[in-house]
Each structure stands twice: as C-alpha cells, then as structure tokens.
Amino acid sequence: MDSTIWDSVDRLVAWLDGESRLGADAERLLRIIKLSEEVGEVGEAVIGATGQNPRKGVTHSWEDVQHELCDVVFTALVALRTLTPDARDVFAERLAHVERRSLDSREGDGR
C-alpha cells in the first residue's frame, strides 16, 4: 500500500489521540467498534442507491456507496494502526497471505 496512505493514517491517529478524552484501552475499543457504524453506512447507501426502501425511494448514488466503502477502509486502517505501530507490516503480510491463499485455491480447482 502506498506510503502516503500510511502517512495519512499516522496523521489521523495522532490527531484522534490528541483529541481523545478517553484512556488508550477505551479509545482502541471504540475505534474498532466504529467499523460497525461505517459498514452500516455502506448498507444504508446500497439500500438508498437501489431504492429498496419504498417509503424513501432512491436516496443515494453508487458514488455514495464508493465513498462509504472508502470510509470503511480508512476506519479499519486507523483501528489497525491504533492497535500496533507495525500496522504497515501487519497489513502487507496479511494481504500477501490472503492473496496467496486465494490464488492457490483458484489454481487447485482446475481453472
């Protein structure tokens, strides 16, 4: 992942830490829980983009869905960085693992 993304994540974590009125343990838990809120907003945007709530109709665009998905990614990276200063390495290692596992399973099914 591009280092400028991680630089931004580091700045966001520093800003959040500076603004926090909570202890480190509570802050860590709340940053993880924040993911649920953001995922819910993705769902809300999808429902709004497809007009699945007849009372409300179409209230969002697919661009809104894209933005909400980005918010999930940012929130996850901030939570990961809050858990460990080695977030870049943890993420890179996990991405490599998932990619390897996924591609290996594809090769094993005869494709």
PDB file of N, CA and C in Angstrom:
ATOM      1  N   MET A   1       0.852  -1.172   0.000  1.00  0.00           N
ATOM      2  CA  MET A   1       0.000   0.000   0.000  1.00  0.00           C
ATOM      3  C   MET A   1       0.897   1.235   0.000  1.00  0.00           C
ATOM      4  N   ASP A   2       0.483   2.196  -0.719  1.00  0.00           N
ATOM      5  CA  ASP A   2       1.258   3.420  -0.881  1.00  0.00           C
ATOM      6  C   ASP A   2       1.593   4.052   0.465  1.00  0.00           C
ATOM      7  N   SER A   3       2.845   4.466   0.620  1.00  0.00           N
ATOM      8  CA  SER A   3       3.279   5.011   1.919  1.00  0.00           C
ATOM      9  C   SER A   3       2.534   6.302   2.264  1.00  0.00           C
ATOM     10  N   THR A   4       2.075   7.048   1.268  1.00  0.00           N
ATOM     11  CA  THR A   4       1.347   8.271   1.600  1.00  0.00           C
ATOM     12  C   THR A   4       0.026   7.945   2.301  1.00  0.00           C
ATOM     13  N   ILE A   5      -0.558   6.798   1.988  1.00  0.00           N
ATOM     14  CA  ILE A   5      -1.768   6.380   2.699  1.00  0.00           C
ATOM     15  C   ILE A   5      -1.439   6.159   4.168  1.00  0.00           C
ATOM     16  N   TRP A   6      -0.349   5.444   4.423  1.00  0.00           N
ATOM     17  CA  TRP A   6       0.040   5.183   5.810  1.00  0.00           C
ATOM     18  C   TRP A   6       0.466   6.462   6.514  1.00  0.00           C
ATOM     19  N   ASP A   7       1.075   7.385   5.792  1.00  0.00           N
ATOM     20  CA  ASP A   7       1.405   8.682   6.399  1.00  0.00           C
ATOM     21  C   ASP A   7       0.126   9.403   6.822  1.00  0.00           C
ATOM     22  N   SER A   8      -0.892   9.341   5.972  1.00  0.00           N
ATOM     23  CA  SER A   8      -2.183   9.944   6.315  1.00  0.00           C
ATOM     24  C   SER A   8      -2.805   9.254   7.519  1.00  0.00           C
ATOM     25  N   VAL A   9      -2.731   7.923   7.544  1.00  0.00           N
ATOM     26  CA  VAL A   9      -3.265   7.171   8.679  1.00  0.00           C
ATOM     27  C   VAL A   9      -2.546   7.584   9.959  1.00  0.00           C
ATOM     28  N   ASP A  10      -1.226   7.699   9.891  1.00  0.00           N
ATOM     29  CA  ASP A  10      -0.462   8.125  11.072  1.00  0.00           C
ATOM     30  C   ASP A  10      -0.905   9.507  11.544  1.00  0.00           C
ATOM     31  N   ARG A  11      -1.131  10.427  10.607  1.00  0.00           N
ATOM     32  CA  ARG A  11      -1.586  11.773  10.989  1.00  0.00           C
ATOM     33  C   ARG A  11      -2.980  11.729  11.604  1.00  0.00           C
ATOM     34  N   LEU A  12      -3.855  10.925  11.030  1.00  0.00           N
ATOM     35  CA  LEU A  12      -5.209  10.811  11.577  1.00  0.00           C
ATOM     36  C   LEU A  12      -5.188  10.221  12.990  1.00  0.00           C
ATOM     37  N   VAL A  13      -4.379   9.198  13.204  1.00  0.00           N
ATOM     38  CA  VAL A  13      -4.281   8.585  14.532  1.00  0.00           C
ATOM     39  C   VAL A  13      -3.725   9.593  15.529  1.00  0.00           C
ATOM     40  N   ALA A  14      -2.712  10.324  15.126  1.00  0.00           N
ATOM     41  CA  ALA A  14      -2.134  11.338  16.017  1.00  0.00           C
ATOM     42  C   ALA A  14      -3.179  12.402  16.365  1.00  0.00           C
ATOM     43  N   TRP A  15      -3.950  12.830  15.377  1.00  0.00           N
ATOM     44  CA  TRP A  15      -4.997  13.816  15.615  1.00  0.00           C
ATOM     45  C   TRP A  15      -6.053  13.255  16.559  1.00  0.00           C
ATOM     46  N   LEU A  16      -6.520  12.034  16.276  1.00  0.00           N
ATOM     47  CA  LEU A  16      -7.524  11.412  17.147  1.00  0.00           C
ATOM     48  C   LEU A  16      -6.997  11.239  18.570  1.00  0.00           C
ATOM     49  N   ASP A  17      -5.755  10.801  18.700  1.00  0.00           N
ATOM     50  CA  ASP A  17      -5.156  10.646  20.026  1.00  0.00           C
ATOM     51  C   ASP A  17      -5.117  11.977  20.770  1.00  0.00           C
ATOM     52  N   GLY A  18      -4.771  13.037  20.045  1.00  0.00           N
ATOM     53  CA  GLY A  18      -4.692  14.357  20.658  1.00  0.00           C
ATOM     54  C   GLY A  18      -6.041  14.904  21.093  1.00  0.00           C
ATOM     55  N   GLU A  19      -7.100  14.496  20.407  1.00  0.00           N
ATOM     56  CA  GLU A  19      -8.448  14.973  20.715  1.00  0.00           C
ATOM     57  C   GLU A  19      -9.183  14.086  21.707  1.00  0.00           C
ATOM     58  N   SER A  20      -8.641  12.906  21.984  1.00  0.00           N
ATOM     59  CA  SER A  20      -9.340  11.933  22.817  1.00  0.00           C
ATOM     60  C   SER A  20      -9.395  12.366  24.278  1.00  0.00           C
ATOM     61  N   ARG A  21     -10.544  12.117  24.866  1.00  0.00           N
ATOM     62  CA  ARG A  21     -10.715  12.356  26.303  1.00  0.00           C
ATOM     63  C   ARG A  21     -10.766  11.027  27.051  1.00  0.00           C
ATOM     64  N   LEU A  22     -10.515   9.942  26.337  1.00  0.00           N
ATOM     65  CA  LEU A  22     -10.605   8.598  26.896  1.00  0.00           C
ATOM     66  C   LEU A  22      -9.220   8.011  27.104  1.00  0.00           C
ATOM     67  N   GLY A  23      -9.169   6.956  27.878  1.00  0.00           N
ATOM     68  CA  GLY A  23      -7.931   6.223  28.038  1.00  0.00           C
ATOM     69  C   GLY A  23      -7.625   5.416  26.779  1.00  0.00           C
ATOM     70  N   ALA A  24      -6.409   4.939  26.674  1.00  0.00           N
ATOM     71  CA  ALA A  24      -5.964   4.207  25.486  1.00  0.00           C
ATOM     72  C   ALA A  24      -6.799   2.954  25.241  1.00  0.00           C
ATOM     73  N   ASP A  25      -7.151   2.223  26.298  1.00  0.00           N
ATOM     74  CA  ASP A  25      -7.931   0.997  26.126  1.00  0.00           C
ATOM     75  C   ASP A  25      -9.319   1.293  25.558  1.00  0.00           C
ATOM     76  N   ALA A  26      -9.986   2.276  26.102  1.00  0.00           N
ATOM     77  CA  ALA A  26     -11.317   2.640  25.613  1.00  0.00           C
ATOM     78  C   ALA A  26     -11.237   3.165  24.185  1.00  0.00           C
ATOM     79  N   GLU A  27     -10.235   3.970  23.910  1.00  0.00           N
ATOM     80  CA  GLU A  27     -10.071   4.534  22.567  1.00  0.00           C
ATOM     81  C   GLU A  27      -9.861   3.424  21.547  1.00  0.00           C
ATOM     82  N   ARG A  28      -9.042   2.455  21.888  1.00  0.00           N
ATOM     83  CA  ARG A  28      -8.769   1.327  20.991  1.00  0.00           C
ATOM     84  C   ARG A  28     -10.065   0.578  20.675  1.00  0.00           C
ATOM     85  N   LEU A  29     -10.844   0.268  21.710  1.00  0.00           N
ATOM     86  CA  LEU A  29     -12.095  -0.460  21.502  1.00  0.00           C
ATOM     87  C   LEU A  29     -13.087   0.338  20.658  1.00  0.00           C
ATOM     88  N   LEU A  30     -13.197   1.616  20.925  1.00  0.00           N
ATOM     89  CA  LEU A  30     -14.151   2.436  20.181  1.00  0.00           C
ATOM     90  C   LEU A  30     -13.753   2.603  18.714  1.00  0.00           C
ATOM     91  N   ARG A  31     -12.469   2.634  18.431  1.00  0.00           N
ATOM     92  CA  ARG A  31     -12.034   2.730  17.036  1.00  0.00           C
ATOM     93  C   ARG A  31     -12.340   1.445  16.282  1.00  0.00           C
ATOM     94  N   ILE A  32     -12.330   0.331  16.979  1.00  0.00           N
ATOM     95  CA  ILE A  32     -12.709  -0.938  16.342  1.00  0.00           C
ATOM     96  C   ILE A  32     -14.227  -0.979  16.150  1.00  0.00           C
ATOM     97  N   ILE A  33     -14.969  -0.571  17.160  1.00  0.00           N
ATOM     98  CA  ILE A  33     -16.431  -0.556  17.076  1.00  0.00           C
ATOM     99  C   ILE A  33     -16.904   0.405  15.988  1.00  0.00           C
ATOM    100  N   LYS A  34     -16.159   1.468  15.757  1.00  0.00           N
ATOM    101  CA  LYS A  34     -16.501   2.453  14.725  1.00  0.00           C
ATOM    102  C   LYS A  34     -16.666   1.781  13.354  1.00  0.00           C
ATOM    103  N   LEU A  35     -15.972   0.669  13.153  1.00  0.00           N
ATOM    104  CA  LEU A  35     -16.111  -0.062  11.889  1.00  0.00           C
ATOM    105  C   LEU A  35     -17.557  -0.494  11.653  1.00  0.00           C
ATOM    106  N   SER A  36     -18.229  -0.938  12.696  1.00  0.00           N
ATOM    107  CA  SER A  36     -19.625  -1.363  12.551  1.00  0.00           C
ATOM    108  C   SER A  36     -20.496  -0.220  12.055  1.00  0.00           C
ATOM    109  N   GLU A  37     -20.257   0.954  12.596  1.00  0.00           N
ATOM    110  CA  GLU A  37     -21.018   2.125  12.158  1.00  0.00           C
ATOM    111  C   GLU A  37     -20.775   2.392  10.671  1.00  0.00           C
ATOM    112  N   GLU A  38     -19.516   2.347  10.273  1.00  0.00           N
ATOM    113  CA  GLU A  38     -19.182   2.638   8.879  1.00  0.00           C
ATOM    114  C   GLU A  38     -19.740   1.582   7.924  1.00  0.00           C
ATOM    115  N   VAL A  39     -19.687   0.313   8.316  1.00  0.00           N
ATOM    116  CA  VAL A  39     -20.260  -0.748   7.481  1.00  0.00           C
ATOM    117  C   VAL A  39     -21.768  -0.555   7.358  1.00  0.00           C
ATOM    118  N   GLY A  40     -22.398  -0.148   8.442  1.00  0.00           N
ATOM    119  CA  GLY A  40     -23.830   0.151   8.390  1.00  0.00           C
ATOM    120  C   GLY A  40     -24.142   1.257   7.396  1.00  0.00           C
ATOM    121  N   GLU A  41     -23.272   2.238   7.314  1.00  0.00           N
ATOM    122  CA  GLU A  41     -23.476   3.329   6.357  1.00  0.00           C
ATOM    123  C   GLU A  41     -23.329   2.843   4.918  1.00  0.00           C
ATOM    124  N   VAL A  42     -22.468   1.849   4.691  1.00  0.00           N
ATOM    125  CA  VAL A  42     -22.381   1.247   3.357  1.00  0.00           C
ATOM    126  C   VAL A  42     -23.717   0.593   3.019  1.00  0.00           C
ATOM    127  N   GLY A  43     -24.247  -0.175   3.967  1.00  0.00           N
ATOM    128  CA  GLY A  43     -25.538  -0.828   3.742  1.00  0.00           C
ATOM    129  C   GLY A  43     -26.642   0.174   3.468  1.00  0.00           C
ATOM    130  N   GLU A  44     -26.661   1.235   4.246  1.00  0.00           N
ATOM    131  CA  GLU A  44     -27.663   2.282   4.044  1.00  0.00           C
ATOM    132  C   GLU A  44     -27.539   2.890   2.649  1.00  0.00           C
ATOM    133  N   ALA A  45     -26.303   3.125   2.206  1.00  0.00           N
ATOM    134  CA  ALA A  45     -26.088   3.711   0.877  1.00  0.00           C
ATOM    135  C   ALA A  45     -26.510   2.750  -0.237  1.00  0.00           C
ATOM    136  N   VAL A  46     -26.243   1.459  -0.056  1.00  0.00           N
ATOM    137  CA  VAL A  46     -26.654   0.468  -1.063  1.00  0.00           C
ATOM    138  C   VAL A  46     -28.180   0.415  -1.140  1.00  0.00           C
ATOM    139  N   ILE A  47     -28.826   0.374   0.014  1.00  0.00           N
ATOM    140  CA  ILE A  47     -30.292   0.369   0.033  1.00  0.00           C
ATOM    141  C   ILE A  47     -30.818   1.642  -0.628  1.00  0.00           C
ATOM    142  N   GLY A  48     -30.180   2.766  -0.337  1.00  0.00           N
ATOM    143  CA  GLY A  48     -30.598   4.027  -0.940  1.00  0.00           C
ATOM    144  C   GLY A  48     -30.329   4.101  -2.430  1.00  0.00           C
ATOM    145  N   ALA A  49     -29.228   3.509  -2.878  1.00  0.00           N
ATOM    146  CA  ALA A  49     -28.887   3.541  -4.303  1.00  0.00           C
ATOM    147  C   ALA A  49     -29.802   2.634  -5.127  1.00  0.00           C
ATOM    148  N   THR A  50     -30.314   1.583  -4.493  1.00  0.00           N
ATOM    149  CA  THR A  50     -31.184   0.650  -5.208  1.00  0.00           C
ATOM    150  C   THR A  50     -32.662   0.938  -4.978  1.00  0.00           C
ATOM    151  N   GLY A  51     -32.964   1.897  -4.119  1.00  0.00           N
ATOM    152  CA  GLY A  51     -34.351   2.259  -3.850  1.00  0.00           C
ATOM    153  C   GLY A  51     -35.130   1.166  -3.142  1.00  0.00           C
ATOM    154  N   GLN A  52     -34.447   0.379  -2.331  1.00  0.00           N
ATOM    155  CA  GLN A  52     -35.086  -0.762  -1.691  1.00  0.00           C
ATOM    156  C   GLN A  52     -36.016  -0.395  -0.537  1.00  0.00           C
ATOM    157  N   ASN A  53     -35.981   0.825  -0.094  1.00  0.00           N
ATOM    158  CA  ASN A  53     -36.947   1.256   0.919  1.00  0.00           C
ATOM    159  C   ASN A  53     -38.040   2.034   0.189  1.00  0.00           C
ATOM    160  N   PRO A  54     -39.212   1.406  -0.002  1.00  0.00           N
ATOM    161  CA  PRO A  54     -40.261   2.071  -0.790  1.00  0.00           C
ATOM    162  C   PRO A  54     -40.726   3.400  -0.197  1.00  0.00           C
ATOM    163  N   ARG A  55     -40.591   3.539   1.104  1.00  0.00           N
ATOM    164  CA  ARG A  55     -41.002   4.790   1.744  1.00  0.00           C
ATOM    165  C   ARG A  55     -40.068   5.932   1.363  1.00  0.00           C
ATOM    166  N   LYS A  56     -38.782   5.618   1.178  1.00  0.00           N
ATOM    167  CA  LYS A  56     -37.798   6.662   0.897  1.00  0.00           C
ATOM    168  C   LYS A  56     -37.433   6.758  -0.583  1.00  0.00           C
ATOM    169  N   GLY A  57     -37.493   5.643  -1.303  1.00  0.00           N
ATOM    170  CA  GLY A  57     -37.096   5.649  -2.710  1.00  0.00           C
ATOM    171  C   GLY A  57     -35.587   5.700  -2.853  1.00  0.00           C
ATOM    172  N   VAL A  58     -35.118   6.221  -3.960  1.00  0.00           N
ATOM    173  CA  VAL A  58     -33.674   6.332  -4.225  1.00  0.00           C
ATOM    174  C   VAL A  58     -33.146   7.568  -3.499  1.00  0.00           C
ATOM    175  N   THR A  59     -32.261   7.331  -2.544  1.00  0.00           N
ATOM    176  CA  THR A  59     -31.741   8.427  -1.717  1.00  0.00           C
ATOM    177  C   THR A  59     -30.231   8.579  -1.830  1.00  0.00           C
ATOM    178  N   HIS A  60     -29.561   7.617  -2.464  1.00  0.00           N
ATOM    179  CA  HIS A  60     -28.108   7.626  -2.587  1.00  0.00           C
ATOM    180  C   HIS A  60     -27.714   7.252  -4.006  1.00  0.00           C
ATOM    181  N   SER A  61     -26.470   7.520  -4.333  1.00  0.00           N
ATOM    182  CA  SER A  61     -25.912   7.118  -5.628  1.00  0.00           C
ATOM    183  C   SER A  61     -24.857   6.044  -5.397  1.00  0.00           C
ATOM    184  N   TRP A  62     -24.421   5.407  -6.474  1.00  0.00           N
ATOM    185  CA  TRP A  62     -23.334   4.431  -6.349  1.00  0.00           C
ATOM    186  C   TRP A  62     -22.029   5.130  -5.979  1.00  0.00           C
ATOM    187  N   GLU A  63     -21.916   6.400  -6.302  1.00  0.00           N
ATOM    188  CA  GLU A  63     -20.750   7.166  -5.845  1.00  0.00           C
ATOM    189  C   GLU A  63     -20.777   7.290  -4.317  1.00  0.00           C
ATOM    190  N   ASP A  64     -21.961   7.462  -3.748  1.00  0.00           N
ATOM    191  CA  ASP A  64     -22.085   7.478  -2.285  1.00  0.00           C
ATOM    192  C   ASP A  64     -21.605   6.157  -1.697  1.00  0.00           C
ATOM    193  N   VAL A  65     -21.958   5.052  -2.340  1.00  0.00           N
ATOM    194  CA  VAL A  65     -21.517   3.735  -1.878  1.00  0.00           C
ATOM    195  C   VAL A  65     -19.992   3.662  -1.914  1.00  0.00           C
ATOM    196  N   GLN A  66     -19.397   4.140  -2.994  1.00  0.00           N
ATOM    197  CA  GLN A  66     -17.930   4.151  -3.103  1.00  0.00           C
ATOM    198  C   GLN A  66     -17.311   4.936  -1.945  1.00  0.00           C
ATOM    199  N   HIS A  67     -17.862   6.101  -1.663  1.00  0.00           N
ATOM    200  CA  HIS A  67     -17.325   6.929  -0.577  1.00  0.00           C
ATOM    201  C   HIS A  67     -17.457   6.227   0.772  1.00  0.00           C
ATOM    202  N   GLU A  68     -18.586   5.576   0.987  1.00  0.00           N
ATOM    203  CA  GLU A  68     -18.782   4.867   2.253  1.00  0.00           C
ATOM    204  C   GLU A  68     -17.819   3.684   2.375  1.00  0.00           C
ATOM    205  N   LEU A  69     -17.563   3.000   1.272  1.00  0.00           N
ATOM    206  CA  LEU A  69     -16.580   1.908   1.299  1.00  0.00           C
ATOM    207  C   LEU A  69     -15.194   2.441   1.648  1.00  0.00           C
ATOM    208  N   CYS A  70     -14.844   3.597   1.102  1.00  0.00           N
ATOM    209  CA  CYS A  70     -13.560   4.219   1.460  1.00  0.00           C
ATOM    210  C   CYS A  70     -13.515   4.531   2.948  1.00  0.00           C
ATOM    211  N   ASP A  71     -14.624   5.005   3.493  1.00  0.00           N
ATOM    212  CA  ASP A  71     -14.664   5.301   4.929  1.00  0.00           C
ATOM    213  C   ASP A  71     -14.423   4.043   5.755  1.00  0.00           C
ATOM    214  N   VAL A  72     -14.936   2.894   5.289  1.00  0.00           N
ATOM    215  CA  VAL A  72     -14.685   1.631   5.983  1.00  0.00           C
ATOM    216  C   VAL A  72     -13.189   1.318   5.964  1.00  0.00           C
ATOM    217  N   VAL A  73     -12.571   1.489   4.802  1.00  0.00           N
ATOM    218  CA  VAL A  73     -11.132   1.209   4.682  1.00  0.00           C
ATOM    219  C   VAL A  73     -10.336   2.133   5.589  1.00  0.00           C
ATOM    220  N   PHE A  74     -10.617   3.428   5.561  1.00  0.00           N
ATOM    221  CA  PHE A  74      -9.891   4.375   6.417  1.00  0.00           C
ATOM    222  C   PHE A  74     -10.044   4.010   7.883  1.00  0.00           C
ATOM    223  N   THR A  75     -11.287   3.704   8.271  1.00  0.00           N
ATOM    224  CA  THR A  75     -11.561   3.383   9.665  1.00  0.00           C
ATOM    225  C   THR A  75     -10.826   2.122  10.087  1.00  0.00           C
ATOM    226  N   ALA A  76     -10.784   1.130   9.219  1.00  0.00           N
ATOM    227  CA  ALA A  76     -10.060  -0.111   9.528  1.00  0.00           C
ATOM    228  C   ALA A  76      -8.572   0.147   9.664  1.00  0.00           C
ATOM    229  N   LEU A  77      -8.014   0.964   8.781  1.00  0.00           N
ATOM    230  CA  LEU A  77      -6.578   1.254   8.856  1.00  0.00           C
ATOM    231  C   LEU A  77      -6.246   2.042  10.125  1.00  0.00           C
ATOM    232  N   VAL A  78      -7.099   2.972  10.500  1.00  0.00           N
ATOM    233  CA  VAL A  78      -6.887   3.731  11.738  1.00  0.00           C
ATOM    234  C   VAL A  78      -6.972   2.784  12.942  1.00  0.00           C
ATOM    235  N   ALA A  79      -7.950   1.883  12.936  1.00  0.00           N
ATOM    236  CA  ALA A  79      -8.069   0.930  14.043  1.00  0.00           C
ATOM    237  C   ALA A  79      -6.843   0.026  14.113  1.00  0.00           C
ATOM    238  N   LEU A  80      -6.393  -0.454  12.962  1.00  0.00           N
ATOM    239  CA  LEU A  80      -5.202  -1.308  12.935  1.00  0.00           C
ATOM    240  C   LEU A  80      -3.982  -0.548  13.442  1.00  0.00           C
ATOM    241  N   ARG A  81      -3.814   0.680  13.001  1.00  0.00           N
ATOM    242  CA  ARG A  81      -2.673   1.485  13.435  1.00  0.00           C
ATOM    243  C   ARG A  81      -2.756   1.801  14.926  1.00  0.00           C
ATOM    244  N   THR A  82      -3.958   1.925  15.446  1.00  0.00           N
ATOM    245  CA  THR A  82      -4.146   2.151  16.871  1.00  0.00           C
ATOM    246  C   THR A  82      -3.710   0.921  17.668  1.00  0.00           C
ATOM    247  N   LEU A  83      -3.926  -0.256  17.094  1.00  0.00           N
ATOM    248  CA  LEU A  83      -3.536  -1.493  17.773  1.00  0.00           C
ATOM    249  C   LEU A  83      -2.035  -1.749  17.756  1.00  0.00           C
ATOM    250  N   THR A  84      -1.377  -1.323  16.669  1.00  0.00           N
ATOM    251  CA  THR A  84       0.045  -1.615  16.543  1.00  0.00           C
ATOM    252  C   THR A  84       0.782  -0.566  15.729  1.00  0.00           C
ATOM    253  N   PRO A  85       1.965  -0.185  16.178  1.00  0.00           N
ATOM    254  CA  PRO A  85       2.767   0.735  15.374  1.00  0.00           C
ATOM    255  C   PRO A  85       3.294   0.062  14.101  1.00  0.00           C
ATOM    256  N   ASP A  86       3.201  -1.272  14.045  1.00  0.00           N
ATOM    257  CA  ASP A  86       3.657  -2.033  12.881  1.00  0.00           C
ATOM    258  C   ASP A  86       2.517  -2.308  11.906  1.00  0.00           C
ATOM    259  N   ALA A  87       1.516  -1.450  11.879  1.00  0.00           N
ATOM    260  CA  ALA A  87       0.331  -1.670  11.055  1.00  0.00           C
ATOM    261  C   ALA A  87       0.683  -1.891   9.585  1.00  0.00           C
ATOM    262  N   ARG A  88       1.638  -1.139   9.061  1.00  0.00           N
ATOM    263  CA  ARG A  88       2.020  -1.298   7.648  1.00  0.00           C
ATOM    264  C   ARG A  88       2.460  -2.717   7.364  1.00  0.00           C
ATOM    265  N   ASP A  89       3.329  -3.246   8.219  1.00  0.00           N
ATOM    266  CA  ASP A  89       3.846  -4.599   8.019  1.00  0.00           C
ATOM    267  C   ASP A  89       2.765  -5.644   8.240  1.00  0.00           C
ATOM    268  N   VAL A  90       1.956  -5.454   9.272  1.00  0.00           N
ATOM    269  CA  VAL A  90       0.876  -6.396   9.556  1.00  0.00           C
ATOM    270  C   VAL A  90      -0.073  -6.469   8.360  1.00  0.00           C
ATOM    271  N   PHE A  91      -0.430  -5.307   7.824  1.00  0.00           N
ATOM    272  CA  PHE A  91      -1.335  -5.261   6.679  1.00  0.00           C
ATOM    273  C   PHE A  91      -0.705  -5.925   5.466  1.00  0.00           C
ATOM    274  N   ALA A  92       0.535  -5.595   5.169  1.00  0.00           N
ATOM    275  CA  ALA A  92       1.214  -6.159   3.998  1.00  0.00           C
ATOM    276  C   ALA A  92       1.333  -7.681   4.099  1.00  0.00           C
ATOM    277  N   GLU A  93       1.679  -8.159   5.284  1.00  0.00           N
ATOM    278  CA  GLU A  93       1.793  -9.607   5.476  1.00  0.00           C
ATOM    279  C   GLU A  93       0.444 -10.289   5.314  1.00  0.00           C
ATOM    280  N   ARG A  94      -0.599  -9.691   5.869  1.00  0.00           N
ATOM    281  CA  ARG A  94      -1.922 -10.295   5.773  1.00  0.00           C
ATOM    282  C   ARG A  94      -2.440 -10.267   4.342  1.00  0.00           C
ATOM    283  N   LEU A  95      -2.210  -9.172   3.636  1.00  0.00           N
ATOM    284  CA  LEU A  95      -2.625  -9.079   2.242  1.00  0.00           C
ATOM    285  C   LEU A  95      -1.927 -10.152   1.413  1.00  0.00           C
ATOM    286  N   ALA A  96      -0.634 -10.329   1.625  1.00  0.00           N
ATOM    287  CA  ALA A  96       0.113 -11.366   0.900  1.00  0.00           C
ATOM    288  C   ALA A  96      -0.443 -12.751   1.212  1.00  0.00           C
ATOM    289  N   HIS A  97      -0.776 -12.983   2.482  1.00  0.00           N
ATOM    290  CA  HIS A  97      -1.339 -14.271   2.884  1.00  0.00           C
ATOM    291  C   HIS A  97      -2.673 -14.536   2.183  1.00  0.00           C
ATOM    292  N   VAL A  98      -3.564 -13.553   2.198  1.00  0.00           N
ATOM    293  CA  VAL A  98      -4.882 -13.718   1.584  1.00  0.00           C
ATOM    294  C   VAL A  98      -4.745 -13.900   0.077  1.00  0.00           C
ATOM    295  N   GLU A  99      -3.883 -13.126  -0.534  1.00  0.00           N
ATOM    296  CA  GLU A  99      -3.671 -13.245  -1.975  1.00  0.00           C
ATOM    297  C   GLU A  99      -3.131 -14.630  -2.323  1.00  0.00           C
ATOM    298  N   ARG A 100      -2.150 -15.060  -1.577  1.00  0.00           N
ATOM    299  CA  ARG A 100      -1.551 -16.383  -1.813  1.00  0.00           C
ATOM    300  C   ARG A 100      -2.594 -17.482  -1.640  1.00  0.00           C
ATOM    301  N   ARG A 101      -3.318 -17.428  -0.550  1.00  0.00           N
ATOM    302  CA  ARG A 101      -4.344 -18.435  -0.264  1.00  0.00           C
ATOM    303  C   ARG A 101      -5.418 -18.432  -1.341  1.00  0.00           C
ATOM    304  N   SER A 102      -5.844 -17.270  -1.760  1.00  0.00           N
ATOM    305  CA  SER A 102      -6.902 -17.169  -2.763  1.00  0.00           C
ATOM    306  C   SER A 102      -6.435 -17.667  -4.117  1.00  0.00           C
ATOM    307  N   LEU A 103      -5.258 -17.240  -4.534  1.00  0.00           N
ATOM    308  CA  LEU A 103      -4.753 -17.648  -5.843  1.00  0.00           C
ATOM    309  C   LEU A 103      -4.391 -19.117  -5.862  1.00  0.00           C
ATOM    310  N   ASP A 104      -3.877 -19.637  -4.742  1.00  0.00           N
ATOM    311  CA  ASP A 104      -3.563 -21.064  -4.665  1.00  0.00           C
ATOM    312  C   ASP A 104      -4.838 -21.887  -4.786  1.00  0.00           C
ATOM    313  N   SER A 105      -5.920 -21.451  -4.173  1.00  0.00           N
ATOM    314  CA  SER A 105      -7.168 -22.213  -4.248  1.00  0.00           C
ATOM    315  C   SER A 105      -7.734 -22.166  -5.658  1.00  0.00           C
ATOM    316  N   ARG A 106      -7.533 -21.075  -6.357  1.00  0.00           N
ATOM    317  CA  ARG A 106      -8.018 -20.961  -7.747  1.00  0.00           C
ATOM    318  C   ARG A 106      -7.260 -21.923  -8.637  1.00  0.00           C
ATOM    319  N   GLU A 107      -5.952 -22.026  -8.433  1.00  0.00           N
ATOM    320  CA  GLU A 107      -5.138 -22.921  -9.246  1.00  0.00           C
ATOM    321  C   GLU A 107      -5.481 -24.363  -8.975  1.00  0.00           C
ATOM    322  N   GLY A 108      -5.917 -24.665  -7.757  1.00  0.00           N
ATOM    323  CA  GLY A 108      -6.230 -26.033  -7.380  1.00  0.00           C
ATOM    324  C   GLY A 108      -7.579 -26.524  -7.898  1.00  0.00           C
ATOM    325  N   ASP A 109      -8.431 -25.603  -8.422  1.00  0.00           N
ATOM    326  CA  ASP A 109      -9.761 -26.047  -8.867  1.00  0.00           C
ATOM    327  C   ASP A 109      -9.855 -26.240 -10.368  1.00  0.00           C
ATOM    328  N   GLY A 110      -8.702 -26.246 -11.039  1.00  0.00           N
ATOM    329  CA  GLY A 110      -8.695 -26.568 -12.459  1.00  0.00           C
ATOM    330  C   GLY A 110      -8.907 -25.397 -13.386  1.00  0.00           C
ATOM    331  N   ARG A 111      -8.938 -24.189 -12.876  1.00  0.00           N
ATOM    332  CA  ARG A 111      -9.114 -23.019 -13.762  1.00  0.00           C
ATOM    333  C   ARG A 111      -7.855 -22.687 -14.500  1.00  0.00           C
TER     334      ARG A 111
END
